[in-house]
Structure formats: C-alpha cells, structure tokens
C-alpha cells in the first residue's frame, strides 16, 4: 500500500494536481479494459480461423500451434 501511495504522490508532484492524476489514471484504466476486450475477441477469431483452416494441416505435419 505504501508503494502505491508513494507512486501516486510522485504523479501528483509531476502533474501538479490530484484531479489531473485521477483523470489520467481513469483513462489508463479504461484503455486497459478495452485492450482486454480486444485481446479476448482477437483470440476467439484467431482460434476460429485456425480450427477451420489450419488445424488439420498442422496436425498432418505433427506440428501444433498453442495460443495461450
């Protein structure tokens, strides 16, 4: 908890106000949440295309592609 507080204090010192730091952190949180949604959707699409078009070719050549 001390690390988080001290990091927050450093951000306030750099940006000058609590409101600016809170706004920046909120935007970062929103951006991260959008990336998580995008990553999940990308994985779903990739798996679908792989299973339909490439899985058999990889297995025939004793090669596996693991998406984690």
PDB file of N, CA and C in Angstrom:
ATOM      1  N   UNK A   1       0.821  -1.189   0.000  1.00  0.00           N
ATOM      2  CA  UNK A   1       0.000   0.000   0.000  1.00  0.00           C
ATOM      3  C   UNK A   1       0.865   1.254   0.000  1.00  0.00           C
ATOM      4  N   UNK A   2       1.980   1.203   0.703  1.00  0.00           N
ATOM      5  CA  UNK A   2       2.871   2.356   0.768  1.00  0.00           C
ATOM      6  C   UNK A   2       3.435   2.659  -0.608  1.00  0.00           C
ATOM      7  N   UNK A   3       3.794   1.604  -1.365  1.00  0.00           N
ATOM      8  CA  UNK A   3       4.335   1.798  -2.709  1.00  0.00           C
ATOM      9  C   UNK A   3       3.329   2.508  -3.605  1.00  0.00           C
ATOM     10  N   UNK A   4       2.080   2.082  -3.566  1.00  0.00           N
ATOM     11  CA  UNK A   4       1.042   2.698  -4.384  1.00  0.00           C
ATOM     12  C   UNK A   4       0.865   4.161  -3.990  1.00  0.00           C
ATOM     13  N   UNK A   5       0.814   4.435  -2.700  1.00  0.00           N
ATOM     14  CA  UNK A   5       0.646   5.809  -2.221  1.00  0.00           C
ATOM     15  C   UNK A   5       1.819   6.686  -2.647  1.00  0.00           C
ATOM     16  N   UNK A   6       3.042   6.188  -2.501  1.00  0.00           N
ATOM     17  CA  UNK A   6       4.211   6.993  -2.861  1.00  0.00           C
ATOM     18  C   UNK A   6       4.255   7.224  -4.372  1.00  0.00           C
ATOM     19  N   UNK A   7       3.866   6.231  -5.162  1.00  0.00           N
ATOM     20  CA  UNK A   7       3.814   6.411  -6.617  1.00  0.00           C
ATOM     21  C   UNK A   7       2.776   7.456  -6.978  1.00  0.00           C
ATOM     22  N   UNK A   8       1.634   7.407  -6.317  1.00  0.00           N
ATOM     23  CA  UNK A   8       0.577   8.387  -6.567  1.00  0.00           C
ATOM     24  C   UNK A   8       1.060   9.790  -6.210  1.00  0.00           C
ATOM     25  N   UNK A   9       1.767   9.912  -5.083  1.00  0.00           N
ATOM     26  CA  UNK A   9       2.291  11.226  -4.667  1.00  0.00           C
ATOM     27  C   UNK A   9       3.287  11.763  -5.686  1.00  0.00           C
ATOM     28  N   UNK A  10       4.131  10.878  -6.242  1.00  0.00           N
ATOM     29  CA  UNK A  10       5.077  11.318  -7.263  1.00  0.00           C
ATOM     30  C   UNK A  10       4.337  11.818  -8.491  1.00  0.00           C
ATOM     31  N   UNK A  11       3.256  11.130  -8.877  1.00  0.00           N
ATOM     32  CA  UNK A  11       2.465  11.580 -10.025  1.00  0.00           C
ATOM     33  C   UNK A  11       1.841  12.941  -9.763  1.00  0.00           C
ATOM     34  N   UNK A  12       1.346  13.150  -8.548  1.00  0.00           N
ATOM     35  CA  UNK A  12       0.761  14.451  -8.202  1.00  0.00           C
ATOM     36  C   UNK A  12       1.833  15.537  -8.289  1.00  0.00           C
ATOM     37  N   UNK A  13       3.034  15.242  -7.843  1.00  0.00           N
ATOM     38  CA  UNK A  13       4.123  16.218  -7.925  1.00  0.00           C
ATOM     39  C   UNK A  13       4.464  16.548  -9.373  1.00  0.00           C
ATOM     40  N   UNK A  14       4.423  15.568 -10.249  1.00  0.00           N
ATOM     41  CA  UNK A  14       4.751  15.788 -11.658  1.00  0.00           C
ATOM     42  C   UNK A  14       3.649  16.566 -12.365  1.00  0.00           C
ATOM     43  N   UNK A  15       2.414  16.158 -12.179  1.00  0.00           N
ATOM     44  CA  UNK A  15       1.313  16.763 -12.918  1.00  0.00           C
ATOM     45  C   UNK A  15       0.685  17.958 -12.208  1.00  0.00           C
ATOM     46  N   UNK A  16       0.933  18.112 -10.924  1.00  0.00           N
ATOM     47  CA  UNK A  16       0.530  19.322 -10.243  1.00  0.00           C
ATOM     48  C   UNK A  16      -0.795  19.294  -9.512  1.00  0.00           C
ATOM     49  N   UNK A  17      -1.674  18.346  -9.827  1.00  0.00           N
ATOM     50  CA  UNK A  17      -2.937  18.342  -9.093  1.00  0.00           C
ATOM     51  C   UNK A  17      -3.507  16.938  -8.996  1.00  0.00           C
ATOM     52  N   UNK A  18      -4.248  16.753  -7.939  1.00  0.00           N
ATOM     53  CA  UNK A  18      -4.907  15.466  -7.712  1.00  0.00           C
ATOM     54  C   UNK A  18      -5.870  15.152  -8.846  1.00  0.00           C
ATOM     55  N   UNK A  19      -6.621  16.153  -9.308  1.00  0.00           N
ATOM     56  CA  UNK A  19      -7.628  15.931 -10.345  1.00  0.00           C
ATOM     57  C   UNK A  19      -6.994  15.460 -11.649  1.00  0.00           C
ATOM     58  N   UNK A  20      -5.867  16.053 -12.019  1.00  0.00           N
ATOM     59  CA  UNK A  20      -5.192  15.632 -13.248  1.00  0.00           C
ATOM     60  C   UNK A  20      -4.734  14.184 -13.153  1.00  0.00           C
ATOM     61  N   UNK A  21      -4.162  13.820 -12.025  1.00  0.00           N
ATOM     62  CA  UNK A  21      -3.685  12.447 -11.841  1.00  0.00           C
ATOM     63  C   UNK A  21      -4.859  11.476 -11.846  1.00  0.00           C
ATOM     64  N   UNK A  22      -5.941  11.812 -11.172  1.00  0.00           N
ATOM     65  CA  UNK A  22      -7.118  10.949 -11.149  1.00  0.00           C
ATOM     66  C   UNK A  22      -7.673  10.755 -12.562  1.00  0.00           C
ATOM     67  N   UNK A  23      -7.693  11.815 -13.344  1.00  0.00           N
ATOM     68  CA  UNK A  23      -8.185  11.729 -14.729  1.00  0.00           C
ATOM     69  C   UNK A  23      -7.280  10.843 -15.569  1.00  0.00           C
ATOM     70  N   UNK A  24      -5.978  11.019 -15.440  1.00  0.00           N
ATOM     71  CA  UNK A  24      -5.022  10.203 -16.196  1.00  0.00           C
ATOM     72  C   UNK A  24      -5.172   8.728 -15.826  1.00  0.00           C
ATOM     73  N   UNK A  25      -5.257   8.438 -14.531  1.00  0.00           N
ATOM     74  CA  UNK A  25      -5.394   7.055 -14.089  1.00  0.00           C
ATOM     75  C   UNK A  25      -6.705   6.439 -14.570  1.00  0.00           C
ATOM     76  N   UNK A  26      -7.770   7.213 -14.590  1.00  0.00           N
ATOM     77  CA  UNK A  26      -9.062   6.714 -15.077  1.00  0.00           C
ATOM     78  C   UNK A  26      -8.988   6.384 -16.565  1.00  0.00           C
ATOM     79  N   UNK A  27      -8.323   7.239 -17.333  1.00  0.00           N
ATOM     80  CA  UNK A  27      -8.165   6.964 -18.766  1.00  0.00           C
ATOM     81  C   UNK A  27      -7.324   5.710 -18.993  1.00  0.00           C
ATOM     82  N   UNK A  28      -6.279   5.544 -18.195  1.00  0.00           N
ATOM     83  CA  UNK A  28      -5.447   4.351 -18.322  1.00  0.00           C
ATOM     84  C   UNK A  28      -6.248   3.095 -17.994  1.00  0.00           C
ATOM     85  N   UNK A  29      -7.088   3.167 -16.982  1.00  0.00           N
ATOM     86  CA  UNK A  29      -7.915   2.023 -16.599  1.00  0.00           C
ATOM     87  C   UNK A  29      -8.872   1.668 -17.734  1.00  0.00           C
ATOM     88  N   UNK A  30      -9.510   2.672 -18.301  1.00  0.00           N
ATOM     89  CA  UNK A  30     -10.443   2.446 -19.405  1.00  0.00           C
ATOM     90  C   UNK A  30      -9.705   1.849 -20.603  1.00  0.00           C
ATOM     91  N   UNK A  31      -8.515   2.382 -20.923  1.00  0.00           N
ATOM     92  CA  UNK A  31      -7.720   1.886 -22.047  1.00  0.00           C
ATOM     93  C   UNK A  31      -7.356   0.426 -21.826  1.00  0.00           C
ATOM     94  N   UNK A  32      -6.948   0.066 -20.617  1.00  0.00           N
ATOM     95  CA  UNK A  32      -6.591  -1.307 -20.297  1.00  0.00           C
ATOM     96  C   UNK A  32      -7.801  -2.239 -20.455  1.00  0.00           C
ATOM     97  N   UNK A  33      -8.955  -1.804 -19.976  1.00  0.00           N
ATOM     98  CA  UNK A  33     -10.162  -2.621 -20.092  1.00  0.00           C
ATOM     99  C   UNK A  33     -10.518  -2.868 -21.558  1.00  0.00           C
ATOM    100  N   UNK A  34     -10.352  -1.844 -22.402  1.00  0.00           N
ATOM    101  CA  UNK A  34     -10.624  -2.007 -23.833  1.00  0.00           C
ATOM    102  C   UNK A  34      -9.632  -2.978 -24.468  1.00  0.00           C
ATOM    103  N   UNK A  35      -8.369  -2.919 -24.065  1.00  0.00           N
ATOM    104  CA  UNK A  35      -7.374  -3.847 -24.599  1.00  0.00           C
ATOM    105  C   UNK A  35      -7.709  -5.287 -24.227  1.00  0.00           C
ATOM    106  N   UNK A  36      -8.166  -5.495 -23.005  1.00  0.00           N
ATOM    107  CA  UNK A  36      -8.532  -6.837 -22.567  1.00  0.00           C
ATOM    108  C   UNK A  36      -9.679  -7.369 -23.425  1.00  0.00           C
ATOM    109  N   UNK A  37     -10.686  -6.525 -23.698  1.00  0.00           N
ATOM    110  CA  UNK A  37     -11.799  -6.940 -24.558  1.00  0.00           C
ATOM    111  C   UNK A  37     -11.303  -7.275 -25.949  1.00  0.00           C
ATOM    112  N   UNK A  38     -10.418  -6.420 -26.496  1.00  0.00           N
ATOM    113  CA  UNK A  38      -9.887  -6.633 -27.835  1.00  0.00           C
ATOM    114  C   UNK A  38      -9.076  -7.925 -27.891  1.00  0.00           C
ATOM    115  N   UNK A  39      -8.229  -8.154 -26.893  1.00  0.00           N
ATOM    116  CA  UNK A  39      -7.411  -9.362 -26.872  1.00  0.00           C
ATOM    117  C   UNK A  39      -8.283 -10.611 -26.843  1.00  0.00           C
ATOM    118  N   UNK A  40      -9.341 -10.581 -26.064  1.00  0.00           N
ATOM    119  CA  UNK A  40     -10.234 -11.725 -25.996  1.00  0.00           C
ATOM    120  C   UNK A  40     -10.921 -11.976 -27.322  1.00  0.00           C
ATOM    121  N   UNK A  41     -11.362 -10.924 -27.974  1.00  0.00           N
ATOM    122  CA  UNK A  41     -12.034 -11.065 -29.271  1.00  0.00           C
ATOM    123  C   UNK A  41     -11.056 -11.557 -30.329  1.00  0.00           C
ATOM    124  N   UNK A  42      -9.827 -11.032 -30.322  1.00  0.00           N
ATOM    125  CA  UNK A  42      -8.805 -11.470 -31.273  1.00  0.00           C
ATOM    126  C   UNK A  42      -8.544 -12.961 -31.112  1.00  0.00           C
ATOM    127  N   UNK A  43      -8.419 -13.416 -29.860  1.00  0.00           N
ATOM    128  CA  UNK A  43      -8.159 -14.828 -29.601  1.00  0.00           C
ATOM    129  C   UNK A  43      -9.307 -15.687 -30.140  1.00  0.00           C
ATOM    130  N   UNK A  44     -10.540 -15.254 -29.918  1.00  0.00           N
ATOM    131  CA  UNK A  44     -11.693 -16.009 -30.412  1.00  0.00           C
ATOM    132  C   UNK A  44     -11.681 -16.116 -31.933  1.00  0.00           C
ATOM    133  N   UNK A  45     -11.420 -15.007 -32.614  1.00  0.00           N
ATOM    134  CA  UNK A  45     -11.391 -15.010 -34.084  1.00  0.00           C
ATOM    135  C   UNK A  45     -10.239 -15.873 -34.585  1.00  0.00           C
ATOM    136  N   UNK A  46      -9.060 -15.723 -33.973  1.00  0.00           N
ATOM    137  CA  UNK A  46      -7.897 -16.494 -34.397  1.00  0.00           C
ATOM    138  C   UNK A  46      -8.160 -17.989 -34.239  1.00  0.00           C
ATOM    139  N   UNK A  47      -8.713 -18.391 -33.101  1.00  0.00           N
ATOM    140  CA  UNK A  47      -8.999 -19.806 -32.872  1.00  0.00           C
ATOM    141  C   UNK A  47      -9.985 -20.348 -33.901  1.00  0.00           C
ATOM    142  N   UNK A  48     -10.994 -19.567 -34.217  1.00  0.00           N
ATOM    143  CA  UNK A  48     -11.993 -19.989 -35.196  1.00  0.00           C
ATOM    144  C   UNK A  48     -11.350 -20.210 -36.571  1.00  0.00           C
ATOM    145  N   UNK A  49     -10.548 -19.255 -37.015  1.00  0.00           N
ATOM    146  CA  UNK A  49      -9.886 -19.381 -38.318  1.00  0.00           C
ATOM    147  C   UNK A  49      -8.897 -20.542 -38.297  1.00  0.00           C
ATOM    148  N   UNK A  50      -8.126 -20.661 -37.234  1.00  0.00           N
ATOM    149  CA  UNK A  50      -7.155 -21.749 -37.124  1.00  0.00           C
ATOM    150  C   UNK A  50      -7.850 -23.103 -37.167  1.00  0.00           C
ATOM    151  N   UNK A  51      -8.904 -23.267 -36.373  1.00  0.00           N
ATOM    152  CA  UNK A  51      -9.604 -24.551 -36.339  1.00  0.00           C
ATOM    153  C   UNK A  51     -10.208 -24.910 -37.691  1.00  0.00           C
ATOM    154  N   UNK A  52     -10.755 -23.917 -38.394  1.00  0.00           N
ATOM    155  CA  UNK A  52     -11.404 -24.182 -39.678  1.00  0.00           C
ATOM    156  C   UNK A  52     -10.412 -24.389 -40.820  1.00  0.00           C
ATOM    157  N   UNK A  53      -9.313 -23.640 -40.819  1.00  0.00           N
ATOM    158  CA  UNK A  53      -8.452 -23.611 -41.998  1.00  0.00           C
ATOM    159  C   UNK A  53      -7.082 -24.267 -41.830  1.00  0.00           C
ATOM    160  N   UNK A  54      -6.534 -24.265 -40.641  1.00  0.00           N
ATOM    161  CA  UNK A  54      -5.143 -24.663 -40.492  1.00  0.00           C
ATOM    162  C   UNK A  54      -4.882 -25.836 -39.564  1.00  0.00           C
ATOM    163  N   UNK A  55      -5.792 -26.144 -38.680  1.00  0.00           N
ATOM    164  CA  UNK A  55      -5.540 -27.163 -37.664  1.00  0.00           C
ATOM    165  C   UNK A  55      -5.156 -28.509 -38.276  1.00  0.00           C
ATOM    166  N   UNK A  56      -5.891 -28.947 -39.267  1.00  0.00           N
ATOM    167  CA  UNK A  56      -5.620 -30.239 -39.881  1.00  0.00           C
ATOM    168  C   UNK A  56      -4.247 -30.267 -40.554  1.00  0.00           C
ATOM    169  N   UNK A  57      -3.883 -29.182 -41.213  1.00  0.00           N
ATOM    170  CA  UNK A  57      -2.568 -29.093 -41.858  1.00  0.00           C
ATOM    171  C   UNK A  57      -1.447 -29.203 -40.831  1.00  0.00           C
ATOM    172  N   UNK A  58      -1.592 -28.503 -39.717  1.00  0.00           N
ATOM    173  CA  UNK A  58      -0.577 -28.579 -38.665  1.00  0.00           C
ATOM    174  C   UNK A  58      -0.499 -29.986 -38.090  1.00  0.00           C
ATOM    175  N   UNK A  59      -1.641 -30.610 -37.841  1.00  0.00           N
ATOM    176  CA  UNK A  59      -1.639 -31.954 -37.258  1.00  0.00           C
ATOM    177  C   UNK A  59      -1.080 -32.981 -38.225  1.00  0.00           C
ATOM    178  N   UNK A  60      -1.353 -32.819 -39.516  1.00  0.00           N
ATOM    179  CA  UNK A  60      -0.803 -33.739 -40.522  1.00  0.00           C
ATOM    180  C   UNK A  60       0.723 -33.701 -40.548  1.00  0.00           C
ATOM    181  N   UNK A  61       1.283 -32.549 -40.224  1.00  0.00           N
ATOM    182  CA  UNK A  61       2.739 -32.388 -40.201  1.00  0.00           C
ATOM    183  C   UNK A  61       3.318 -32.538 -38.798  1.00  0.00           C
ATOM    184  N   UNK A  62       2.519 -33.053 -37.875  1.00  0.00           N
ATOM    185  CA  UNK A  62       2.932 -33.240 -36.471  1.00  0.00           C
ATOM    186  C   UNK A  62       3.437 -31.939 -35.860  1.00  0.00           C
ATOM    187  N   UNK A  63       2.741 -30.853 -36.155  1.00  0.00           N
ATOM    188  CA  UNK A  63       3.070 -29.541 -35.624  1.00  0.00           C
ATOM    189  C   UNK A  63       1.829 -29.001 -34.937  1.00  0.00           C
ATOM    190  N   UNK A  64       2.021 -28.386 -33.776  1.00  0.00           N
ATOM    191  CA  UNK A  64       0.886 -27.817 -33.060  1.00  0.00           C
ATOM    192  C   UNK A  64       1.130 -26.369 -32.777  1.00  0.00           C
ATOM    193  N   UNK A  65       0.076 -25.611 -32.883  1.00  0.00           N
ATOM    194  CA  UNK A  65       0.133 -24.195 -32.539  1.00  0.00           C
ATOM    195  C   UNK A  65      -0.728 -24.005 -31.319  1.00  0.00           C
ATOM    196  N   UNK A  66      -0.129 -23.491 -30.252  1.00  0.00           N
ATOM    197  CA  UNK A  66      -0.857 -23.297 -28.997  1.00  0.00           C
ATOM    198  C   UNK A  66      -0.957 -21.806 -28.750  1.00  0.00           C
ATOM    199  N   UNK A  67      -2.188 -21.324 -28.668  1.00  0.00           N
ATOM    200  CA  UNK A  67      -2.438 -19.919 -28.367  1.00  0.00           C
ATOM    201  C   UNK A  67      -2.817 -19.831 -26.909  1.00  0.00           C
ATOM    202  N   UNK A  68      -1.995 -19.125 -26.143  1.00  0.00           N
ATOM    203  CA  UNK A  68      -2.301 -19.023 -24.709  1.00  0.00           C
ATOM    204  C   UNK A  68      -2.428 -17.595 -24.288  1.00  0.00           C
TER     205      UNK A  68
END
